[in-house]
Amino acid sequence: MENKKDPEEDLKAATAAAVEEAEKANWGSRAFVKLGQTIGVVELTKLEPRFERNIDKLISYHNIIYKMVDAIELQVQVVPKMLAQKKVSCNPGENPWEMLGGWLNFLGINHYTGPHAKIVMKYSKACGKISQKEALVQKRTRSHLIKRMRVYTSEESEELNETVAGLGHLLHSIDESRHQLKSANTLEKLKEKGEAYRIFVKAFDHKASAVQAAIDEVATQVSLHQHELLKFSREVSVFNDSVFNSLNEVVLRLGYHIQK
């Protein structure tokens, strides 16, 4: 049984091929078109002003979310080395709470005796529990709490940048092919340049539609990102409370009372 071709996939492939062709334009071609537009012999195609403003706003929102993701991850991972490695969880044995607990355990065994050793060991255990809870929050931050934000600033941002760049390349090719079409002096050249012009215009329309779809989705994306931010805030608040309670519990078990 013969497989039917998907028109949308064919359009995507044709658009990708047109963008690739447009990207190959050398500096001489670009300089010629630019000069022609400057002196008025080559028509200049511009994006519709409102569409261009919306693209700028969309890119700006992507940048805002990118910075927000960085700020959020700083709330759960304070070790610069980990974030520099694009990690939000520490390597085994490198969590600050875990390291502090290990040092307290070492002190309790080797440098203190009696009540003092007991105090240090209790704090060591509390640090161990906190490190486990922190590791869980760190994992959940990326896998659940801000998952959509991270996708929006990685895969979707990369796709948006490529699409917007593609629009720029296609605009040049549209202007160049239109000028060549008008300058064609044979039927063969007329057909060739006319087909090239049609392909570039169709590819531009397809790319522009993709950008417009992303613009139309911003309101929905904002709502989803706000929801994720609230989820993250609640979970971090619970974690911070648990840190306080774990340390406070040690104080109370040792028979001390916190003065309010």
Foldseek 3Di string as FASTA:
>chain_A
DDDDDDPVVVLVVLLVVLLVVLVPDDPVLLVVQVVCVVVVNFDADDDDVVLVVLLVVLLVVLVVLVVVLVVLLCLLAVDVVQVVVVHSADDPPPQPLLVQLVVLLVCLVPPDDDPVSVLSNLSSVLSVVLSVLSRVLSVCLCPPLQVVSVCCNPVVSVVSVVLVVSLVSLSSQLRSLVSQCVVDDDPVSVVVSVVSNVSSVSSNVVSSVVSVVSSVCVVVSVVVNVRSVVVSVVSSVVSVVSSVVSVVVSCVVSPHDDDD
